[in-house]
Amino acid sequence: MIYLTISLANNCHYCVAAHSTIAKKQAKAPGIIIEAIKAGQPIPDEKLQALVVFTRHVVQMQGWVKKQSAHDFLAAGFTEIQILSVILAVGVKTLSNYTNHVANTPIDDVFSH
């Protein structure tokens, strides 16, 4: 869900398709959650919603996380280590997203739905 959220925020069509497919097929994530994330709609699971909101905030703010956003993330049951994990994921996925932007990577058939 973190990589999907980052890829959406970075507008990487390839990674959105890939992570949507992986979430459904390998992680067995409910389609309703994946579609809610893709549509920017609330997720019925409050903790997952807090993760998506915080991750999107980190990307949109380019790491300049507002104290309230970090506070809300921690209040949802996450830890400071998990804040760093989100930041690491943003770094890794942003490199991938930008590479796909430059390469104009076509979406593989397996990720087309």
N, C-alpha and C. Protein backbone atom coordinates (compact mmCIF):
# COMPACT_ATOMS: atom_id res chain seq x y z
N MET A 1 0.82 -1.19 0.00
CA MET A 1 0.00 0.00 0.00
C MET A 1 0.87 1.26 0.00
N ILE A 2 2.02 1.18 0.66
CA ILE A 2 2.91 2.34 0.70
C ILE A 2 3.43 2.64 -0.71
N TYR A 3 3.92 1.61 -1.40
CA TYR A 3 4.47 1.83 -2.74
C TYR A 3 3.38 2.30 -3.71
N LEU A 4 2.18 1.79 -3.57
CA LEU A 4 1.08 2.24 -4.42
C LEU A 4 0.79 3.71 -4.17
N THR A 5 0.74 4.10 -2.91
CA THR A 5 0.47 5.49 -2.55
C THR A 5 1.55 6.42 -3.09
N ILE A 6 2.80 6.02 -2.95
CA ILE A 6 3.92 6.84 -3.44
C ILE A 6 3.85 6.96 -4.96
N SER A 7 3.61 5.86 -5.63
CA SER A 7 3.55 5.87 -7.10
C SER A 7 2.41 6.72 -7.61
N LEU A 8 1.29 6.71 -6.91
CA LEU A 8 0.18 7.60 -7.28
C LEU A 8 0.57 9.06 -7.11
N ALA A 9 1.18 9.37 -5.98
CA ALA A 9 1.59 10.76 -5.71
C ALA A 9 2.62 11.24 -6.72
N ASN A 10 3.47 10.32 -7.19
CA ASN A 10 4.50 10.67 -8.17
C ASN A 10 4.03 10.48 -9.61
N ASN A 11 2.76 10.09 -9.78
CA ASN A 11 2.15 9.94 -11.10
C ASN A 11 2.92 8.96 -12.00
N CYS A 12 3.28 7.81 -11.42
CA CYS A 12 4.00 6.79 -12.19
C CYS A 12 3.00 5.70 -12.59
N HIS A 13 2.53 5.76 -13.82
CA HIS A 13 1.51 4.83 -14.30
C HIS A 13 1.98 3.37 -14.25
N TYR A 14 3.25 3.15 -14.58
CA TYR A 14 3.78 1.78 -14.55
C TYR A 14 3.71 1.20 -13.14
N CYS A 15 4.23 1.93 -12.16
CA CYS A 15 4.26 1.42 -10.79
C CYS A 15 2.88 1.33 -10.17
N VAL A 16 1.98 2.23 -10.53
CA VAL A 16 0.60 2.12 -10.03
C VAL A 16 0.00 0.80 -10.52
N ALA A 17 0.17 0.50 -11.79
CA ALA A 17 -0.35 -0.75 -12.34
C ALA A 17 0.32 -1.96 -11.68
N ALA A 18 1.63 -1.90 -11.54
CA ALA A 18 2.36 -3.03 -10.95
C ALA A 18 1.96 -3.25 -9.49
N HIS A 19 1.95 -2.20 -8.70
CA HIS A 19 1.66 -2.36 -7.28
C HIS A 19 0.19 -2.67 -7.02
N SER A 20 -0.70 -2.23 -7.89
CA SER A 20 -2.11 -2.62 -7.77
C SER A 20 -2.26 -4.12 -7.98
N THR A 21 -1.60 -4.62 -9.01
CA THR A 21 -1.67 -6.05 -9.33
C THR A 21 -1.03 -6.89 -8.23
N ILE A 22 0.14 -6.48 -7.78
CA ILE A 22 0.85 -7.22 -6.73
C ILE A 22 0.03 -7.22 -5.44
N ALA A 23 -0.56 -6.08 -5.11
CA ALA A 23 -1.38 -6.00 -3.89
C ALA A 23 -2.57 -6.95 -3.95
N LYS A 24 -3.19 -7.04 -5.12
CA LYS A 24 -4.36 -7.92 -5.27
C LYS A 24 -3.96 -9.39 -5.28
N LYS A 25 -2.97 -9.73 -6.11
CA LYS A 25 -2.65 -11.13 -6.35
C LYS A 25 -1.73 -11.74 -5.30
N GLN A 26 -0.71 -11.01 -4.87
CA GLN A 26 0.24 -11.60 -3.93
C GLN A 26 -0.08 -11.27 -2.48
N ALA A 27 -0.46 -10.03 -2.22
CA ALA A 27 -0.73 -9.62 -0.84
C ALA A 27 -2.19 -9.87 -0.46
N LYS A 28 -3.01 -10.26 -1.44
CA LYS A 28 -4.43 -10.53 -1.21
C LYS A 28 -5.17 -9.34 -0.58
N ALA A 29 -4.74 -8.14 -0.96
CA ALA A 29 -5.41 -6.93 -0.47
C ALA A 29 -6.78 -6.83 -1.12
N PRO A 30 -7.78 -6.46 -0.35
CA PRO A 30 -9.12 -6.31 -0.93
C PRO A 30 -9.14 -5.22 -2.01
N GLY A 31 -9.82 -5.53 -3.10
CA GLY A 31 -9.92 -4.58 -4.21
C GLY A 31 -10.51 -3.25 -3.79
N ILE A 32 -11.42 -3.27 -2.83
CA ILE A 32 -12.06 -2.03 -2.38
C ILE A 32 -11.03 -1.07 -1.76
N ILE A 33 -10.03 -1.64 -1.09
CA ILE A 33 -8.99 -0.81 -0.48
C ILE A 33 -8.08 -0.25 -1.56
N ILE A 34 -7.68 -1.08 -2.49
CA ILE A 34 -6.81 -0.62 -3.58
C ILE A 34 -7.50 0.47 -4.39
N GLU A 35 -8.76 0.26 -4.71
CA GLU A 35 -9.49 1.26 -5.50
C GLU A 35 -9.70 2.55 -4.71
N ALA A 36 -9.91 2.45 -3.41
CA ALA A 36 -10.06 3.65 -2.59
C ALA A 36 -8.76 4.45 -2.59
N ILE A 37 -7.64 3.76 -2.46
CA ILE A 37 -6.34 4.46 -2.49
C ILE A 37 -6.17 5.14 -3.84
N LYS A 38 -6.45 4.43 -4.91
CA LYS A 38 -6.29 4.99 -6.25
C LYS A 38 -7.20 6.19 -6.50
N ALA A 39 -8.39 6.16 -5.90
CA ALA A 39 -9.36 7.25 -6.10
C ALA A 39 -9.19 8.38 -5.08
N GLY A 40 -8.28 8.20 -4.13
CA GLY A 40 -8.10 9.21 -3.09
C GLY A 40 -9.26 9.26 -2.12
N GLN A 41 -9.96 8.14 -1.99
CA GLN A 41 -11.12 8.04 -1.09
C GLN A 41 -10.70 7.44 0.25
N PRO A 42 -11.49 7.68 1.30
CA PRO A 42 -11.18 7.09 2.61
C PRO A 42 -11.18 5.57 2.55
N ILE A 43 -10.33 4.98 3.37
CA ILE A 43 -10.21 3.52 3.48
C ILE A 43 -10.94 3.11 4.76
N PRO A 44 -11.71 2.03 4.72
CA PRO A 44 -12.46 1.63 5.90
C PRO A 44 -11.59 1.26 7.11
N ASP A 45 -10.36 0.87 6.90
CA ASP A 45 -9.44 0.51 7.98
C ASP A 45 -8.71 1.79 8.42
N GLU A 46 -8.97 2.24 9.65
CA GLU A 46 -8.44 3.52 10.13
C GLU A 46 -6.91 3.56 10.17
N LYS A 47 -6.29 2.47 10.58
CA LYS A 47 -4.82 2.45 10.67
C LYS A 47 -4.21 2.49 9.27
N LEU A 48 -4.77 1.74 8.35
CA LEU A 48 -4.28 1.77 6.97
C LEU A 48 -4.52 3.15 6.36
N GLN A 49 -5.64 3.76 6.68
CA GLN A 49 -5.93 5.12 6.20
C GLN A 49 -4.86 6.08 6.71
N ALA A 50 -4.48 5.97 7.97
CA ALA A 50 -3.45 6.84 8.54
C ALA A 50 -2.11 6.63 7.83
N LEU A 51 -1.81 5.39 7.47
CA LEU A 51 -0.57 5.09 6.75
C LEU A 51 -0.57 5.74 5.37
N VAL A 52 -1.67 5.61 4.67
CA VAL A 52 -1.78 6.18 3.33
C VAL A 52 -1.71 7.71 3.39
N VAL A 53 -2.43 8.31 4.32
CA VAL A 53 -2.43 9.78 4.45
C VAL A 53 -1.03 10.28 4.77
N PHE A 54 -0.36 9.62 5.71
CA PHE A 54 0.98 10.06 6.09
C PHE A 54 1.97 9.90 4.93
N THR A 55 1.90 8.76 4.25
CA THR A 55 2.80 8.52 3.12
C THR A 55 2.60 9.56 2.03
N ARG A 56 1.35 9.83 1.70
CA ARG A 56 1.03 10.85 0.68
C ARG A 56 1.57 12.21 1.12
N HIS A 57 1.44 12.52 2.40
CA HIS A 57 1.92 13.79 2.94
C HIS A 57 3.44 13.90 2.78
N VAL A 58 4.16 12.84 3.11
CA VAL A 58 5.62 12.86 2.99
C VAL A 58 6.03 13.16 1.55
N VAL A 59 5.38 12.50 0.59
CA VAL A 59 5.71 12.74 -0.83
C VAL A 59 5.36 14.16 -1.24
N GLN A 60 4.15 14.58 -0.94
CA GLN A 60 3.69 15.91 -1.36
C GLN A 60 4.50 17.03 -0.73
N MET A 61 4.95 16.82 0.50
CA MET A 61 5.72 17.85 1.21
C MET A 61 7.22 17.70 1.00
N GLN A 62 7.59 16.74 0.15
CA GLN A 62 9.00 16.47 -0.17
C GLN A 62 9.84 16.31 1.09
N GLY A 63 9.26 15.61 2.06
CA GLY A 63 9.96 15.31 3.30
C GLY A 63 9.80 16.34 4.40
N TRP A 64 9.23 17.49 4.08
CA TRP A 64 9.02 18.54 5.09
C TRP A 64 7.72 18.24 5.84
N VAL A 65 7.75 17.18 6.64
CA VAL A 65 6.56 16.68 7.33
C VAL A 65 6.13 17.65 8.42
N LYS A 66 4.86 17.99 8.38
CA LYS A 66 4.30 18.86 9.41
C LYS A 66 4.16 18.07 10.71
N LYS A 67 4.39 18.74 11.82
CA LYS A 67 4.33 18.08 13.13
C LYS A 67 2.98 17.40 13.36
N GLN A 68 1.91 18.05 12.94
CA GLN A 68 0.58 17.46 13.14
C GLN A 68 0.43 16.16 12.37
N SER A 69 0.99 16.10 11.19
CA SER A 69 0.90 14.88 10.38
C SER A 69 1.65 13.74 11.07
N ALA A 70 2.84 14.02 11.57
CA ALA A 70 3.60 13.00 12.30
C ALA A 70 2.86 12.59 13.56
N HIS A 71 2.29 13.57 14.26
CA HIS A 71 1.53 13.29 15.48
C HIS A 71 0.34 12.37 15.17
N ASP A 72 -0.39 12.67 14.11
CA ASP A 72 -1.56 11.86 13.72
C ASP A 72 -1.14 10.43 13.38
N PHE A 73 -0.01 10.29 12.71
CA PHE A 73 0.52 8.97 12.33
C PHE A 73 0.86 8.17 13.59
N LEU A 74 1.55 8.81 14.52
CA LEU A 74 1.90 8.14 15.77
C LEU A 74 0.65 7.81 16.59
N ALA A 75 -0.31 8.71 16.60
CA ALA A 75 -1.55 8.50 17.35
C ALA A 75 -2.36 7.33 16.78
N ALA A 76 -2.15 7.01 15.52
CA ALA A 76 -2.85 5.89 14.88
C ALA A 76 -2.23 4.54 15.26
N GLY A 77 -1.14 4.58 16.02
CA GLY A 77 -0.52 3.34 16.48
C GLY A 77 0.80 3.00 15.83
N PHE A 78 1.33 3.93 15.05
CA PHE A 78 2.63 3.71 14.42
C PHE A 78 3.74 4.24 15.33
N THR A 79 4.97 3.92 14.98
CA THR A 79 6.12 4.32 15.79
C THR A 79 7.01 5.27 15.01
N GLU A 80 7.96 5.88 15.71
CA GLU A 80 8.93 6.75 15.05
C GLU A 80 9.78 5.97 14.06
N ILE A 81 10.08 4.73 14.37
CA ILE A 81 10.82 3.88 13.42
C ILE A 81 10.01 3.69 12.14
N GLN A 82 8.70 3.58 12.28
CA GLN A 82 7.86 3.43 11.09
C GLN A 82 7.79 4.72 10.28
N ILE A 83 7.97 5.86 10.93
CA ILE A 83 8.10 7.12 10.18
C ILE A 83 9.33 7.03 9.28
N LEU A 84 10.43 6.55 9.83
CA LEU A 84 11.65 6.41 9.03
C LEU A 84 11.48 5.37 7.94
N SER A 85 10.71 4.32 8.21
CA SER A 85 10.44 3.31 7.18
C SER A 85 9.67 3.89 6.01
N VAL A 86 8.71 4.75 6.30
CA VAL A 86 7.96 5.42 5.22
C VAL A 86 8.90 6.30 4.42
N ILE A 87 9.75 7.04 5.09
CA ILE A 87 10.70 7.92 4.40
C ILE A 87 11.64 7.09 3.50
N LEU A 88 12.12 5.97 4.00
CA LEU A 88 12.96 5.08 3.20
C LEU A 88 12.20 4.59 1.97
N ALA A 89 10.95 4.18 2.17
CA ALA A 89 10.13 3.70 1.05
C ALA A 89 9.93 4.80 0.02
N VAL A 90 9.72 6.03 0.48
CA VAL A 90 9.55 7.16 -0.45
C VAL A 90 10.82 7.35 -1.27
N GLY A 91 11.98 7.25 -0.63
CA GLY A 91 13.24 7.40 -1.37
C GLY A 91 13.42 6.34 -2.43
N VAL A 92 13.22 5.10 -2.05
CA VAL A 92 13.40 3.98 -2.97
C VAL A 92 12.40 4.04 -4.12
N LYS A 93 11.14 4.25 -3.79
CA LYS A 93 10.10 4.23 -4.82
C LYS A 93 10.18 5.45 -5.71
N THR A 94 10.59 6.59 -5.18
CA THR A 94 10.73 7.78 -6.02
C THR A 94 11.80 7.56 -7.07
N LEU A 95 12.91 6.91 -6.71
CA LEU A 95 13.94 6.58 -7.71
C LEU A 95 13.35 5.72 -8.82
N SER A 96 12.57 4.74 -8.44
CA SER A 96 11.92 3.86 -9.42
C SER A 96 10.92 4.63 -10.27
N ASN A 97 10.10 5.45 -9.63
CA ASN A 97 9.10 6.24 -10.36
C ASN A 97 9.76 7.16 -11.37
N TYR A 98 10.79 7.87 -10.95
CA TYR A 98 11.46 8.81 -11.85
C TYR A 98 12.14 8.08 -13.00
N THR A 99 12.69 6.90 -12.72
CA THR A 99 13.30 6.11 -13.79
C THR A 99 12.26 5.73 -14.83
N ASN A 100 11.08 5.33 -14.37
CA ASN A 100 10.01 4.99 -15.30
C ASN A 100 9.51 6.21 -16.07
N HIS A 101 9.54 7.37 -15.45
CA HIS A 101 9.16 8.60 -16.16
C HIS A 101 10.11 8.85 -17.32
N VAL A 102 11.40 8.78 -17.03
CA VAL A 102 12.41 9.06 -18.06
C VAL A 102 12.38 7.99 -19.15
N ALA A 103 12.25 6.74 -18.74
CA ALA A 103 12.28 5.63 -19.70
C ALA A 103 10.94 5.44 -20.42
N ASN A 104 9.89 6.10 -19.91
CA ASN A 104 8.56 5.92 -20.47
C ASN A 104 8.22 4.43 -20.57
N THR A 105 8.43 3.74 -19.45
CA THR A 105 8.28 2.30 -19.39
C THR A 105 6.85 1.89 -19.73
N PRO A 106 6.70 1.02 -20.73
CA PRO A 106 5.35 0.52 -21.06
C PRO A 106 4.88 -0.45 -19.98
N ILE A 107 3.58 -0.46 -19.73
CA ILE A 107 3.01 -1.35 -18.74
C ILE A 107 3.00 -2.78 -19.29
N ASP A 108 3.58 -3.69 -18.53
CA ASP A 108 3.61 -5.11 -18.91
C ASP A 108 2.19 -5.67 -18.96
N ASP A 109 1.98 -6.64 -19.83
CA ASP A 109 0.65 -7.25 -19.96
C ASP A 109 0.14 -7.80 -18.63
N VAL A 110 1.04 -8.35 -17.83
CA VAL A 110 0.64 -8.95 -16.56
C VAL A 110 0.06 -7.91 -15.60
N PHE A 111 0.42 -6.63 -15.79
CA PHE A 111 -0.07 -5.58 -14.91
C PHE A 111 -1.26 -4.81 -15.52
N SER A 112 -1.65 -5.15 -16.71
CA SER A 112 -2.81 -4.51 -17.35
C SER A 112 -4.07 -5.20 -16.87
N HIS A 113 -5.03 -4.40 -16.40
CA HIS A 113 -6.30 -5.00 -16.00
C HIS A 113 -7.44 -4.18 -16.46
